[in-house]
Amino acid sequence: MANIKFVNEEKEVVAANGANLREKALENGIDIYTFMGKMMNCGGYGQCGTCIVEVVEGMEGLSPRTDVENQKLKKKPDNYRLACQTLVNSSVSIKTKP
């Protein structure tokens, strides 16, 4: 089991190892999208890049960046991830809408 701490929302969520970060956030009422992202997101397929989050702690507990992420996030810091492409394997702290 992994704990996902959403820093801005001051909320902690328990997830099974291998859980998708975007799905766990949405299931628990965590808003990961900006206004435009809410209207234009791709539904979790990695095509739009609107579910960007910042990993504050625990990067080693996440799946490696996918090719899609490397393309969409090439001008972003290394600790930015697309929530829809990220699998959680151990405890992490996440900032939404960086």
PDB file of N, CA and C in Angstrom:
ATOM      1  N   MET A   1       0.841  -1.188   0.000  1.00  0.00           N
ATOM      2  CA  MET A   1       0.000   0.000   0.000  1.00  0.00           C
ATOM      3  C   MET A   1       0.881   1.245   0.000  1.00  0.00           C
ATOM      4  N   ALA A   2       0.349   2.296  -0.618  1.00  0.00           N
ATOM      5  CA  ALA A   2       1.082   3.550  -0.722  1.00  0.00           C
ATOM      6  C   ALA A   2       0.196   4.699  -0.244  1.00  0.00           C
ATOM      7  N   ASN A   3       0.806   5.666   0.412  1.00  0.00           N
ATOM      8  CA  ASN A   3       0.094   6.883   0.799  1.00  0.00           C
ATOM      9  C   ASN A   3       0.442   7.973  -0.203  1.00  0.00           C
ATOM     10  N   ILE A   4      -0.580   8.638  -0.715  1.00  0.00           N
ATOM     11  CA  ILE A   4      -0.383   9.766  -1.623  1.00  0.00           C
ATOM     12  C   ILE A   4      -0.833  11.008  -0.868  1.00  0.00           C
ATOM     13  N   LYS A   5       0.117  11.878  -0.575  1.00  0.00           N
ATOM     14  CA  LYS A   5      -0.205  13.114   0.129  1.00  0.00           C
ATOM     15  C   LYS A   5      -0.324  14.230  -0.901  1.00  0.00           C
ATOM     16  N   PHE A   6      -1.505  14.857  -0.952  1.00  0.00           N
ATOM     17  CA  PHE A   6      -1.733  15.994  -1.824  1.00  0.00           C
ATOM     18  C   PHE A   6      -1.512  17.248  -0.989  1.00  0.00           C
ATOM     19  N   VAL A   7      -0.379  17.901  -1.212  1.00  0.00           N
ATOM     20  CA  VAL A   7       0.097  18.983  -0.358  1.00  0.00           C
ATOM     21  C   VAL A   7      -0.863  20.170  -0.329  1.00  0.00           C
ATOM     22  N   ASN A   8      -1.257  20.690  -1.492  1.00  0.00           N
ATOM     23  CA  ASN A   8      -2.116  21.884  -1.545  1.00  0.00           C
ATOM     24  C   ASN A   8      -3.473  21.645  -0.884  1.00  0.00           C
ATOM     25  N   GLU A   9      -3.992  20.445  -1.038  1.00  0.00           N
ATOM     26  CA  GLU A   9      -5.321  20.112  -0.516  1.00  0.00           C
ATOM     27  C   GLU A   9      -5.275  19.618   0.925  1.00  0.00           C
ATOM     28  N   GLU A  10      -4.065  19.374   1.444  1.00  0.00           N
ATOM     29  CA  GLU A  10      -3.877  18.831   2.787  1.00  0.00           C
ATOM     30  C   GLU A  10      -4.700  17.561   2.990  1.00  0.00           C
ATOM     31  N   LYS A  11      -4.582  16.659   2.009  1.00  0.00           N
ATOM     32  CA  LYS A  11      -5.343  15.421   2.039  1.00  0.00           C
ATOM     33  C   LYS A  11      -4.410  14.258   1.730  1.00  0.00           C
ATOM     34  N   GLU A  12      -4.609  13.141   2.438  1.00  0.00           N
ATOM     35  CA  GLU A  12      -3.809  11.941   2.201  1.00  0.00           C
ATOM     36  C   GLU A  12      -4.728  10.805   1.776  1.00  0.00           C
ATOM     37  N   VAL A  13      -4.295  10.082   0.745  1.00  0.00           N
ATOM     38  CA  VAL A  13      -5.085   9.012   0.150  1.00  0.00           C
ATOM     39  C   VAL A  13      -4.269   7.727   0.192  1.00  0.00           C
ATOM     40  N   VAL A  14      -4.901   6.620   0.513  1.00  0.00           N
ATOM     41  CA  VAL A  14      -4.233   5.323   0.497  1.00  0.00           C
ATOM     42  C   VAL A  14      -4.539   4.648  -0.834  1.00  0.00           C
ATOM     43  N   ALA A  15      -3.491   4.103  -1.447  1.00  0.00           N
ATOM     44  CA  ALA A  15      -3.660   3.454  -2.752  1.00  0.00           C
ATOM     45  C   ALA A  15      -2.915   2.129  -2.774  1.00  0.00           C
ATOM     46  N   ALA A  16      -3.413   1.205  -3.553  1.00  0.00           N
ATOM     47  CA  ALA A  16      -2.703  -0.058  -3.769  1.00  0.00           C
ATOM     48  C   ALA A  16      -1.477   0.223  -4.623  1.00  0.00           C
ATOM     49  N   ASN A  17      -0.430  -0.563  -4.453  1.00  0.00           N
ATOM     50  CA  ASN A  17       0.758  -0.414  -5.294  1.00  0.00           C
ATOM     51  C   ASN A  17       0.360  -0.573  -6.753  1.00  0.00           C
ATOM     52  N   GLY A  18       0.881   0.316  -7.602  1.00  0.00           N
ATOM     53  CA  GLY A  18       0.569   0.282  -9.025  1.00  0.00           C
ATOM     54  C   GLY A  18      -0.658   1.077  -9.409  1.00  0.00           C
ATOM     55  N   ALA A  19      -1.248   1.800  -8.441  1.00  0.00           N
ATOM     56  CA  ALA A  19      -2.445   2.600  -8.735  1.00  0.00           C
ATOM     57  C   ALA A  19      -2.076   3.801  -9.610  1.00  0.00           C
ATOM     58  N   ASN A  20      -3.002   4.183 -10.483  1.00  0.00           N
ATOM     59  CA  ASN A  20      -2.810   5.337 -11.357  1.00  0.00           C
ATOM     60  C   ASN A  20      -3.068   6.616 -10.554  1.00  0.00           C
ATOM     61  N   LEU A  21      -2.134   7.548 -10.604  1.00  0.00           N
ATOM     62  CA  LEU A  21      -2.219   8.778  -9.810  1.00  0.00           C
ATOM     63  C   LEU A  21      -3.442   9.626 -10.170  1.00  0.00           C
ATOM     64  N   ARG A  22      -3.730   9.780 -11.446  1.00  0.00           N
ATOM     65  CA  ARG A  22      -4.893  10.565 -11.880  1.00  0.00           C
ATOM     66  C   ARG A  22      -6.191   9.948 -11.355  1.00  0.00           C
ATOM     67  N   GLU A  23      -6.331   8.648 -11.513  1.00  0.00           N
ATOM     68  CA  GLU A  23      -7.557   7.975 -11.072  1.00  0.00           C
ATOM     69  C   GLU A  23      -7.761   8.111  -9.569  1.00  0.00           C
ATOM     70  N   LYS A  24      -6.683   7.944  -8.786  1.00  0.00           N
ATOM     71  CA  LYS A  24      -6.798   8.053  -7.324  1.00  0.00           C
ATOM     72  C   LYS A  24      -7.155   9.474  -6.917  1.00  0.00           C
ATOM     73  N   ALA A  25      -6.590  10.462  -7.594  1.00  0.00           N
ATOM     74  CA  ALA A  25      -6.919  11.859  -7.284  1.00  0.00           C
ATOM     75  C   ALA A  25      -8.400  12.122  -7.552  1.00  0.00           C
ATOM     76  N   LEU A  26      -8.871  11.755  -8.731  1.00  0.00           N
ATOM     77  CA  LEU A  26     -10.268  12.018  -9.086  1.00  0.00           C
ATOM     78  C   LEU A  26     -11.238  11.248  -8.205  1.00  0.00           C
ATOM     79  N   GLU A  27     -10.905  10.006  -7.870  1.00  0.00           N
ATOM     80  CA  GLU A  27     -11.762   9.194  -6.991  1.00  0.00           C
ATOM     81  C   GLU A  27     -11.943   9.839  -5.625  1.00  0.00           C
ATOM     82  N   ASN A  28     -10.939  10.609  -5.211  1.00  0.00           N
ATOM     83  CA  ASN A  28     -10.955  11.192  -3.868  1.00  0.00           C
ATOM     84  C   ASN A  28     -11.231  12.696  -3.872  1.00  0.00           C
ATOM     85  N   GLY A  29     -11.780  13.198  -4.957  1.00  0.00           N
ATOM     86  CA  GLY A  29     -12.190  14.591  -5.010  1.00  0.00           C
ATOM     87  C   GLY A  29     -11.056  15.599  -5.106  1.00  0.00           C
ATOM     88  N   ILE A  30      -9.889  15.159  -5.554  1.00  0.00           N
ATOM     89  CA  ILE A  30      -8.747  16.058  -5.719  1.00  0.00           C
ATOM     90  C   ILE A  30      -8.805  16.637  -7.131  1.00  0.00           C
ATOM     91  N   ASP A  31      -8.865  17.949  -7.226  1.00  0.00           N
ATOM     92  CA  ASP A  31      -8.959  18.626  -8.513  1.00  0.00           C
ATOM     93  C   ASP A  31      -7.554  18.836  -9.075  1.00  0.00           C
ATOM     94  N   ILE A  32      -7.194  18.095 -10.114  1.00  0.00           N
ATOM     95  CA  ILE A  32      -5.855  18.200 -10.688  1.00  0.00           C
ATOM     96  C   ILE A  32      -5.808  19.096 -11.916  1.00  0.00           C
ATOM     97  N   TYR A  33      -6.960  19.530 -12.393  1.00  0.00           N
ATOM     98  CA  TYR A  33      -7.020  20.308 -13.626  1.00  0.00           C
ATOM     99  C   TYR A  33      -7.239  21.793 -13.379  1.00  0.00           C
ATOM    100  N   THR A  34      -6.598  22.625 -14.211  1.00  0.00           N
ATOM    101  CA  THR A  34      -6.903  24.050 -14.243  1.00  0.00           C
ATOM    102  C   THR A  34      -8.239  24.205 -14.972  1.00  0.00           C
ATOM    103  N   PHE A  35      -8.718  25.426 -15.067  1.00  0.00           N
ATOM    104  CA  PHE A  35     -10.013  25.673 -15.726  1.00  0.00           C
ATOM    105  C   PHE A  35     -10.035  25.122 -17.149  1.00  0.00           C
ATOM    106  N   MET A  36      -9.016  25.440 -17.932  1.00  0.00           N
ATOM    107  CA  MET A  36      -8.966  24.956 -19.316  1.00  0.00           C
ATOM    108  C   MET A  36      -8.820  23.436 -19.367  1.00  0.00           C
ATOM    109  N   GLY A  37      -8.051  22.889 -18.461  1.00  0.00           N
ATOM    110  CA  GLY A  37      -7.854  21.446 -18.413  1.00  0.00           C
ATOM    111  C   GLY A  37      -9.141  20.690 -18.143  1.00  0.00           C
ATOM    112  N   LYS A  38     -10.023  21.289 -17.358  1.00  0.00           N
ATOM    113  CA  LYS A  38     -11.306  20.649 -17.064  1.00  0.00           C
ATOM    114  C   LYS A  38     -12.132  20.479 -18.331  1.00  0.00           C
ATOM    115  N   MET A  39     -12.020  21.446 -19.222  1.00  0.00           N
ATOM    116  CA  MET A  39     -12.822  21.410 -20.436  1.00  0.00           C
ATOM    117  C   MET A  39     -12.137  20.670 -21.575  1.00  0.00           C
ATOM    118  N   MET A  40     -10.817  20.594 -21.547  1.00  0.00           N
ATOM    119  CA  MET A  40     -10.096  20.096 -22.708  1.00  0.00           C
ATOM    120  C   MET A  40      -9.235  18.862 -22.430  1.00  0.00           C
ATOM    121  N   ASN A  41      -9.413  18.219 -21.270  1.00  0.00           N
ATOM    122  CA  ASN A  41      -8.550  17.063 -20.994  1.00  0.00           C
ATOM    123  C   ASN A  41      -8.933  15.865 -21.848  1.00  0.00           C
ATOM    124  N   CYS A  42      -7.970  14.981 -22.035  1.00  0.00           N
ATOM    125  CA  CYS A  42      -8.146  13.838 -22.944  1.00  0.00           C
ATOM    126  C   CYS A  42      -8.721  12.612 -22.242  1.00  0.00           C
ATOM    127  N   GLY A  43      -9.018  12.723 -20.957  1.00  0.00           N
ATOM    128  CA  GLY A  43      -9.599  11.599 -20.239  1.00  0.00           C
ATOM    129  C   GLY A  43      -8.578  10.591 -19.741  1.00  0.00           C
ATOM    130  N   GLY A  44      -7.322  10.994 -19.674  1.00  0.00           N
ATOM    131  CA  GLY A  44      -6.308  10.120 -19.097  1.00  0.00           C
ATOM    132  C   GLY A  44      -5.489   9.325 -20.084  1.00  0.00           C
ATOM    133  N   TYR A  45      -5.429   9.755 -21.323  1.00  0.00           N
ATOM    134  CA  TYR A  45      -4.685   9.008 -22.337  1.00  0.00           C
ATOM    135  C   TYR A  45      -3.311   9.597 -22.648  1.00  0.00           C
ATOM    136  N   GLY A  46      -2.916  10.661 -21.931  1.00  0.00           N
ATOM    137  CA  GLY A  46      -1.590  11.234 -22.115  1.00  0.00           C
ATOM    138  C   GLY A  46      -1.446  12.105 -23.344  1.00  0.00           C
ATOM    139  N   GLN A  47      -2.552  12.501 -23.952  1.00  0.00           N
ATOM    140  CA  GLN A  47      -2.494  13.261 -25.192  1.00  0.00           C
ATOM    141  C   GLN A  47      -2.509  14.774 -24.999  1.00  0.00           C
ATOM    142  N   CYS A  48      -3.044  15.254 -23.876  1.00  0.00           N
ATOM    143  CA  CYS A  48      -3.255  16.698 -23.738  1.00  0.00           C
ATOM    144  C   CYS A  48      -2.245  17.391 -22.834  1.00  0.00           C
ATOM    145  N   GLY A  49      -1.714  16.698 -21.857  1.00  0.00           N
ATOM    146  CA  GLY A  49      -0.739  17.302 -20.951  1.00  0.00           C
ATOM    147  C   GLY A  49      -1.342  18.234 -19.916  1.00  0.00           C
ATOM    148  N   THR A  50      -2.641  18.123 -19.635  1.00  0.00           N
ATOM    149  CA  THR A  50      -3.279  19.042 -18.683  1.00  0.00           C
ATOM    150  C   THR A  50      -3.274  18.546 -17.236  1.00  0.00           C
ATOM    151  N   CYS A  51      -2.854  17.319 -16.998  1.00  0.00           N
ATOM    152  CA  CYS A  51      -2.871  16.775 -15.630  1.00  0.00           C
ATOM    153  C   CYS A  51      -1.478  16.807 -14.998  1.00  0.00           C
ATOM    154  N   ILE A  52      -0.732  17.861 -15.283  1.00  0.00           N
ATOM    155  CA  ILE A  52       0.628  17.980 -14.742  1.00  0.00           C
ATOM    156  C   ILE A  52       0.580  18.149 -13.229  1.00  0.00           C
ATOM    157  N   VAL A  53       1.417  17.394 -12.538  1.00  0.00           N
ATOM    158  CA  VAL A  53       1.598  17.529 -11.093  1.00  0.00           C
ATOM    159  C   VAL A  53       3.087  17.636 -10.801  1.00  0.00           C
ATOM    160  N   GLU A  54       3.404  18.163  -9.620  1.00  0.00           N
ATOM    161  CA  GLU A  54       4.793  18.256  -9.172  1.00  0.00           C
ATOM    162  C   GLU A  54       5.004  17.254  -8.050  1.00  0.00           C
ATOM    163  N   VAL A  55       6.031  16.430  -8.176  1.00  0.00           N
ATOM    164  CA  VAL A  55       6.362  15.460  -7.141  1.00  0.00           C
ATOM    165  C   VAL A  55       7.293  16.159  -6.142  1.00  0.00           C
ATOM    166  N   VAL A  56       6.811  16.337  -4.914  1.00  0.00           N
ATOM    167  CA  VAL A  56       7.581  17.023  -3.880  1.00  0.00           C
ATOM    168  C   VAL A  56       8.518  16.044  -3.181  1.00  0.00           C
ATOM    169  N   GLU A  57       8.002  14.857  -2.869  1.00  0.00           N
ATOM    170  CA  GLU A  57       8.794  13.803  -2.224  1.00  0.00           C
ATOM    171  C   GLU A  57       8.375  12.455  -2.780  1.00  0.00           C
ATOM    172  N   GLY A  58       9.336  11.536  -2.858  1.00  0.00           N
ATOM    173  CA  GLY A  58       9.017  10.161  -3.208  1.00  0.00           C
ATOM    174  C   GLY A  58       9.086   9.816  -4.676  1.00  0.00           C
ATOM    175  N   MET A  59       9.840  10.577  -5.460  1.00  0.00           N
ATOM    176  CA  MET A  59       9.942  10.312  -6.906  1.00  0.00           C
ATOM    177  C   MET A  59      10.342   8.863  -7.179  1.00  0.00           C
ATOM    178  N   GLU A  60      11.175   8.302  -6.315  1.00  0.00           N
ATOM    179  CA  GLU A  60      11.641   6.923  -6.512  1.00  0.00           C
ATOM    180  C   GLU A  60      10.513   5.902  -6.353  1.00  0.00           C
ATOM    181  N   GLY A  61       9.397   6.307  -5.778  1.00  0.00           N
ATOM    182  CA  GLY A  61       8.263   5.413  -5.590  1.00  0.00           C
ATOM    183  C   GLY A  61       7.270   5.437  -6.735  1.00  0.00           C
ATOM    184  N   LEU A  62       7.629   6.123  -7.828  1.00  0.00           N
ATOM    185  CA  LEU A  62       6.735   6.217  -8.976  1.00  0.00           C
ATOM    186  C   LEU A  62       7.307   5.456 -10.159  1.00  0.00           C
ATOM    187  N   SER A  63       6.433   5.093 -11.084  1.00  0.00           N
ATOM    188  CA  SER A  63       6.882   4.463 -12.321  1.00  0.00           C
ATOM    189  C   SER A  63       7.771   5.456 -13.079  1.00  0.00           C
ATOM    190  N   PRO A  64       8.680   4.960 -13.919  1.00  0.00           N
ATOM    191  CA  PRO A  64       9.520   5.874 -14.712  1.00  0.00           C
ATOM    192  C   PRO A  64       8.661   6.688 -15.679  1.00  0.00           C
ATOM    193  N   ARG A  65       9.177   7.838 -16.072  1.00  0.00           N
ATOM    194  CA  ARG A  65       8.482   8.660 -17.075  1.00  0.00           C
ATOM    195  C   ARG A  65       8.300   7.870 -18.360  1.00  0.00           C
ATOM    196  N   THR A  66       7.132   7.995 -18.958  1.00  0.00           N
ATOM    197  CA  THR A  66       6.860   7.327 -20.237  1.00  0.00           C
ATOM    198  C   THR A  66       7.386   8.193 -21.381  1.00  0.00           C
ATOM    199  N   ASP A  67       7.425   7.639 -22.582  1.00  0.00           N
ATOM    200  CA  ASP A  67       7.832   8.417 -23.757  1.00  0.00           C
ATOM    201  C   ASP A  67       6.894   9.606 -23.977  1.00  0.00           C
ATOM    202  N   VAL A  68       5.607   9.392 -23.726  1.00  0.00           N
ATOM    203  CA  VAL A  68       4.615  10.462 -23.859  1.00  0.00           C
ATOM    204  C   VAL A  68       4.957  11.599 -22.896  1.00  0.00           C
ATOM    205  N   GLU A  69       5.283  11.252 -21.650  1.00  0.00           N
ATOM    206  CA  GLU A  69       5.656  12.276 -20.672  1.00  0.00           C
ATOM    207  C   GLU A  69       6.925  13.003 -21.087  1.00  0.00           C
ATOM    208  N   ASN A  70       7.915  12.266 -21.543  1.00  0.00           N
ATOM    209  CA  ASN A  70       9.158  12.902 -21.962  1.00  0.00           C
ATOM    210  C   ASN A  70       8.900  13.927 -23.059  1.00  0.00           C
ATOM    211  N   GLN A  71       7.974  13.625 -23.956  1.00  0.00           N
ATOM    212  CA  GLN A  71       7.638  14.557 -25.030  1.00  0.00           C
ATOM    213  C   GLN A  71       6.861  15.765 -24.492  1.00  0.00           C
ATOM    214  N   LYS A  72       5.820  15.519 -23.710  1.00  0.00           N
ATOM    215  CA  LYS A  72       4.954  16.595 -23.219  1.00  0.00           C
ATOM    216  C   LYS A  72       5.646  17.483 -22.184  1.00  0.00           C
ATOM    217  N   LEU A  73       6.587  16.906 -21.436  1.00  0.00           N
ATOM    218  CA  LEU A  73       7.216  17.635 -20.322  1.00  0.00           C
ATOM    219  C   LEU A  73       8.669  18.020 -20.582  1.00  0.00           C
ATOM    220  N   LYS A  74       9.094  18.030 -21.839  1.00  0.00           N
ATOM    221  CA  LYS A  74      10.517  18.237 -22.132  1.00  0.00           C
ATOM    222  C   LYS A  74      11.041  19.594 -21.664  1.00  0.00           C
ATOM    223  N   LYS A  75      10.181  20.593 -21.514  1.00  0.00           N
ATOM    224  CA  LYS A  75      10.631  21.907 -21.034  1.00  0.00           C
ATOM    225  C   LYS A  75      10.269  22.146 -19.572  1.00  0.00           C
ATOM    226  N   LYS A  76       9.816  21.110 -18.901  1.00  0.00           N
ATOM    227  CA  LYS A  76       9.422  21.208 -17.487  1.00  0.00           C
ATOM    228  C   LYS A  76      10.498  20.570 -16.607  1.00  0.00           C
ATOM    229  N   PRO A  77      10.512  20.905 -15.307  1.00  0.00           N
ATOM    230  CA  PRO A  77      11.474  20.276 -14.388  1.00  0.00           C
ATOM    231  C   PRO A  77      11.301  18.753 -14.327  1.00  0.00           C
ATOM    232  N   ASP A  78      12.354  18.065 -13.933  1.00  0.00           N
ATOM    233  CA  ASP A  78      12.344  16.598 -13.867  1.00  0.00           C
ATOM    234  C   ASP A  78      11.325  16.048 -12.874  1.00  0.00           C
ATOM    235  N   ASN A  79      10.923  16.853 -11.879  1.00  0.00           N
ATOM    236  CA  ASN A  79       9.975  16.344 -10.885  1.00  0.00           C
ATOM    237  C   ASN A  79       8.521  16.620 -11.276  1.00  0.00           C
ATOM    238  N   TYR A  80       8.265  17.042 -12.506  1.00  0.00           N
ATOM    239  CA  TYR A  80       6.904  17.183 -13.013  1.00  0.00           C
ATOM    240  C   TYR A  80       6.518  15.886 -13.717  1.00  0.00           C
ATOM    241  N   ARG A  81       5.273  15.478 -13.512  1.00  0.00           N
ATOM    242  CA  ARG A  81       4.761  14.262 -14.132  1.00  0.00           C
ATOM    243  C   ARG A  81       3.358  14.506 -14.660  1.00  0.00           C
ATOM    244  N   LEU A  82       2.929  13.671 -15.598  1.00  0.00           N
ATOM    245  CA  LEU A  82       1.526  13.643 -16.008  1.00  0.00           C
ATOM    246  C   LEU A  82       0.845  12.620 -15.104  1.00  0.00           C
ATOM    247  N   ALA A  83      -0.161  13.052 -14.366  1.00  0.00           N
ATOM    248  CA  ALA A  83      -0.818  12.157 -13.410  1.00  0.00           C
ATOM    249  C   ALA A  83      -1.394  10.926 -14.094  1.00  0.00           C
ATOM    250  N   CYS A  84      -1.873  11.084 -15.326  1.00  0.00           N
ATOM    251  CA  CYS A  84      -2.504   9.962 -16.028  1.00  0.00           C
ATOM    252  C   CYS A  84      -1.505   8.882 -16.432  1.00  0.00           C
ATOM    253  N   GLN A  85      -0.229   9.217 -16.495  1.00  0.00           N
ATOM    254  CA  GLN A  85       0.801   8.275 -16.919  1.00  0.00           C
ATOM    255  C   GLN A  85       1.607   7.725 -15.750  1.00  0.00           C
ATOM    256  N   THR A  86       1.292   8.167 -14.534  1.00  0.00           N
ATOM    257  CA  THR A  86       2.097   7.861 -13.364  1.00  0.00           C
ATOM    258  C   THR A  86       1.452   6.782 -12.497  1.00  0.00           C
ATOM    259  N   LEU A  87       2.223   5.737 -12.226  1.00  0.00           N
ATOM    260  CA  LEU A  87       1.777   4.682 -11.317  1.00  0.00           C
ATOM    261  C   LEU A  87       2.512   4.845 -10.000  1.00  0.00           C
ATOM    262  N   VAL A  88       1.773   4.713  -8.907  1.00  0.00           N
ATOM    263  CA  VAL A  88       2.316   4.918  -7.568  1.00  0.00           C
ATOM    264  C   VAL A  88       2.644   3.566  -6.947  1.00  0.00           C
ATOM    265  N   ASN A  89       3.896   3.403  -6.509  1.00  0.00           N
ATOM    266  CA  ASN A  89       4.340   2.141  -5.906  1.00  0.00           C
ATOM    267  C   ASN A  89       4.725   2.267  -4.446  1.00  0.00           C
ATOM    268  N   SER A  90       4.923   3.482  -3.969  1.00  0.00           N
ATOM    269  CA  SER A  90       5.176   3.733  -2.552  1.00  0.00           C
ATOM    270  C   SER A  90       4.776   5.170  -2.239  1.00  0.00           C
ATOM    271  N   SER A  91       4.911   5.572  -1.001  1.00  0.00           N
ATOM    272  CA  SER A  91       4.411   6.869  -0.546  1.00  0.00           C
ATOM    273  C   SER A  91       5.068   8.044  -1.261  1.00  0.00           C
ATOM    274  N   VAL A  92       4.227   9.019  -1.620  1.00  0.00           N
ATOM    275  CA  VAL A  92       4.683  10.217  -2.330  1.00  0.00           C
ATOM    276  C   VAL A  92       3.927  11.448  -1.832  1.00  0.00           C
ATOM    277  N   SER A  93       4.518  12.611  -2.072  1.00  0.00           N
ATOM    278  CA  SER A  93       3.845  13.889  -1.835  1.00  0.00           C
ATOM    279  C   SER A  93       3.747  14.603  -3.177  1.00  0.00           C
ATOM    280  N   ILE A  94       2.549  15.111  -3.467  1.00  0.00           N
ATOM    281  CA  ILE A  94       2.244  15.672  -4.776  1.00  0.00           C
ATOM    282  C   ILE A  94       1.653  17.078  -4.619  1.00  0.00           C
ATOM    283  N   LYS A  95       2.088  17.991  -5.480  1.00  0.00           N
ATOM    284  CA  LYS A  95       1.457  19.304  -5.594  1.00  0.00           C
ATOM    285  C   LYS A  95       0.682  19.335  -6.895  1.00  0.00           C
ATOM    286  N   THR A  96      -0.589  19.663  -6.808  1.00  0.00           N
ATOM    287  CA  THR A  96      -1.423  19.759  -7.992  1.00  0.00           C
ATOM    288  C   THR A  96      -1.291  21.143  -8.618  1.00  0.00           C
ATOM    289  N   LYS A  97      -1.545  21.237  -9.892  1.00  0.00           N
ATOM    290  CA  LYS A  97      -1.534  22.492 -10.655  1.00  0.00           C
ATOM    291  C   LYS A  97      -0.286  23.330 -10.407  1.00  0.00           C
ATOM    292  N   PRO A  98       0.912  22.778 -10.636  1.00  0.00           N
ATOM    293  CA  PRO A  98       2.123  23.559 -10.347  1.00  0.00           C
ATOM    294  C   PRO A  98       2.292  24.754 -11.283  1.00  0.00           C
TER     295      PRO A  98
END
